[in-house]
Protein backbone atom coordinates (compact mmCIF):
# COMPACT_ATOMS: atom_id res chain seq x y z
CA MET A 1 100.29 98.06 101.59
CA LEU A 2 102.96 95.80 102.78
CA GLY A 3 103.86 95.79 99.56
CA ALA A 4 103.76 99.28 98.44
CA LEU A 5 105.92 100.33 101.51
CA LEU A 6 108.07 97.80 100.55
CA LEU A 7 108.24 98.87 96.85
CA ILE A 8 108.80 102.56 98.49
CA SER A 9 111.96 101.68 100.49
CA ALA A 10 113.07 99.68 97.48
CA CYS A 11 113.33 103.24 95.72
CA SER A 12 114.52 105.18 97.91
CA THR A 13 116.93 106.06 101.04
CA GLY A 14 116.83 108.78 102.51
CA GLY A 15 114.59 111.16 99.76
CA GLN A 16 117.57 109.80 97.81
CA HIS A 17 116.76 107.49 94.07
CA VAL A 18 118.25 104.19 94.19
CA GLN A 19 117.80 102.18 91.06
CA SER A 20 116.55 98.82 91.07
CA PRO A 21 119.42 96.14 89.79
CA GLN A 22 118.08 95.22 85.64
CA PRO A 23 117.81 91.98 84.73
CA GLU A 24 120.34 90.61 82.41
CA LYS A 25 118.76 90.72 78.90
CA SER A 26 117.93 86.74 78.00
CA THR A 27 115.33 84.80 75.50
CA PRO A 28 112.50 83.48 77.96
CA PRO A 29 112.56 79.19 78.21
CA VAL A 30 109.38 79.83 77.69
CA LYS A 31 106.75 80.64 75.28
CA MET A 32 103.52 82.95 77.96
CA GLU A 33 100.84 81.30 76.12
CA GLN A 34 102.14 77.69 76.90
CA ARG A 35 101.21 76.21 79.95
CA GLY A 36 102.28 75.31 82.80
CA ARG A 37 104.25 78.51 83.73
CA ILE A 38 104.29 80.04 87.07
CA LEU A 39 101.54 82.24 87.97
CA GLY A 40 103.24 83.57 91.37
CA ILE A 41 104.75 83.32 94.23
CA GLY A 42 102.20 80.43 96.76
CA GLY A 43 104.66 80.67 99.56
CA VAL A 44 107.65 81.43 101.84
CA PHE A 45 108.73 78.81 104.46
CA PHE A 46 111.87 79.15 106.53
CA LYS A 47 112.18 76.98 109.27
CA SER A 48 113.67 78.00 113.01
CA ALA A 49 114.97 76.93 116.12
CA ASN A 50 112.79 79.54 117.96
CA ARG A 51 109.56 79.34 115.85
CA ASP A 52 107.24 81.40 118.45
CA GLN A 53 109.73 84.27 119.42
CA MET A 54 110.29 84.23 115.55
CA ARG A 55 106.71 84.16 114.41
CA GLU A 56 106.13 87.25 117.07
CA TRP A 57 109.28 88.91 115.38
CA TYR A 58 107.59 89.02 112.66
CA SER A 59 104.29 90.26 113.46
CA LYS A 60 105.52 93.06 115.66
CA HIS A 61 107.94 94.11 113.63
CA LEU A 62 106.58 93.67 109.67
CA GLY A 63 102.74 92.70 110.65
CA LEU A 64 102.92 89.52 109.41
CA ALA A 65 100.90 88.06 111.59
CA ASP A 66 101.35 84.29 111.82
CA LYS A 67 99.70 82.12 114.29
CA GLY A 68 99.45 79.20 113.04
CA GLY A 69 98.32 78.68 109.74
CA GLY A 70 100.82 81.33 108.57
CA ALA A 71 100.18 84.35 107.59
CA MET A 72 98.40 85.00 104.58
CA LEU A 73 98.94 88.36 101.98
CA PRO A 74 96.58 88.48 98.83
CA TRP A 75 97.39 89.69 95.45
CA ARG A 76 95.38 90.11 91.73
CA GLU A 77 96.08 87.93 88.62
CA HIS A 78 98.05 90.64 86.71
CA ASP A 79 96.57 89.26 83.11
CA ASP A 80 92.97 88.56 84.86
CA PRO A 81 92.80 91.15 87.65
CA GLN A 82 89.42 89.06 89.05
CA LYS A 83 91.28 85.83 90.58
CA GLU A 84 92.41 86.67 93.35
CA GLN A 85 96.36 84.36 94.51
CA VAL A 86 96.79 84.13 98.37
CA THR A 87 100.41 83.74 99.29
CA VAL A 88 101.10 81.50 102.22
CA TRP A 89 104.74 83.31 104.21
CA THR A 90 104.90 80.76 107.21
CA VAL A 91 107.91 79.72 109.86
CA PHE A 92 108.42 76.42 110.44
CA PRO A 93 110.07 74.71 112.97
CA ALA A 94 113.67 73.25 112.76
CA SER A 95 112.75 70.00 113.08
CA SER A 96 110.57 69.49 110.05
CA ASP A 97 110.98 67.24 107.99
CA TYR A 98 108.40 69.64 104.80
CA PHE A 99 111.79 70.80 102.88
CA ASP A 100 113.38 67.55 103.18
CA PRO A 101 116.00 65.58 101.47
CA SER A 102 116.75 69.29 100.92
CA PRO A 103 119.60 70.64 103.36
CA ALA A 104 118.13 74.24 103.13
CA PRO A 105 115.70 75.49 105.83
CA PHE A 106 113.86 77.31 103.04
CA MET A 107 111.12 76.62 100.47
CA ILE A 108 109.51 78.77 97.91
CA ASN A 109 105.55 77.90 96.69
CA TYR A 110 104.84 78.57 93.62
CA ILE A 111 101.87 78.37 91.91
CA VAL A 112 101.35 76.96 88.61
CA ASP A 113 98.61 77.26 86.32
CA ASP A 114 98.65 73.79 84.95
CA LEU A 115 101.39 71.14 87.18
CA TYR A 116 100.44 68.19 84.69
CA ALA A 117 101.90 69.96 81.74
CA LEU A 118 104.79 72.02 83.80
CA LEU A 119 105.93 69.05 84.54
CA ASP A 120 105.76 67.02 81.46
CA ARG A 121 108.04 69.61 80.31
CA LEU A 122 110.44 69.64 83.39
CA LYS A 123 110.91 66.53 82.60
CA GLN A 124 112.15 66.55 79.51
CA GLU A 125 114.47 68.99 79.97
CA GLY A 126 115.93 66.53 83.10
CA VAL A 127 114.56 68.67 85.97
CA ARG A 128 114.73 65.90 89.18
CA ILE A 129 111.07 65.42 90.01
CA ASP A 130 110.35 64.05 93.42
CA ALA A 131 107.91 61.19 93.13
CA LYS A 132 105.85 62.46 95.66
CA ARG A 133 102.00 64.13 94.64
CA MET A 134 99.48 64.96 96.63
CA ASP A 135 95.82 66.52 96.72
CA GLU A 136 94.23 68.50 98.73
CA SER A 137 90.96 70.55 98.66
CA TYR A 138 93.05 73.63 97.86
CA GLY A 139 95.13 72.32 95.86
CA ARG A 140 97.92 69.97 93.85
CA PHE A 141 101.69 69.48 94.30
CA ALA A 142 104.61 68.37 93.59
CA TRP A 143 107.93 68.65 94.21
CA ILE A 144 110.98 69.81 92.01
CA TYR A 145 114.40 70.74 92.89
CA ASP A 146 116.82 73.26 91.40
CA SER A 147 120.21 72.89 90.19
CA ASP A 148 121.80 73.06 94.14
CA GLY A 149 119.38 70.60 95.42
CA ASN A 150 116.89 72.71 96.90
CA LYS A 151 113.13 71.10 97.02
CA ILE A 152 110.56 73.84 95.54
CA GLU A 153 106.97 73.14 95.68
CA LEU A 154 104.29 73.91 92.95
CA TRP A 155 100.92 74.76 93.68
CA GLN A 156 98.22 74.69 90.73
CA PRO A 157 95.03 75.78 93.48
CA LEU A 158 91.54 74.34 92.15
CA PRO A 159 88.96 77.02 91.16
CA ALA A 160 86.47 78.03 94.30
CA LYS A 161 83.40 76.50 93.78
CA PRO A 162 80.51 78.45 93.51
């Protein structure tokens, strides 16, 4: 529902149609049938000096209720609609070191289909890769840095247990 509202508001203003910016034409650098690709956004994380106030504001005005574990925004994969994923939206305290060593007050988490295949390819391409890895009951995690030094979290969810 929220996505539909955002799409509607992005496409119209005061009853007038607004053209969405067109992406630059370029050849995709990654073959889509190749393993180690991004499936979607797994999380949007940012810091706030007023974490509780910020959570209340987003809950009241945008319906993103984060009571400590993040607001969960479910979606389905385009290529496999039976697979449901979730994007987590959450506010971290300004003092959090989770984004370190990046000085940015935000971090994006991308869901990937094959974490190790992606990391192998990124290593060959010279991308800065954090040595830290984390395995949790809900998936595997690794971190990379873009050309500005922003930390990016990569997450390969584990299959649901029957």
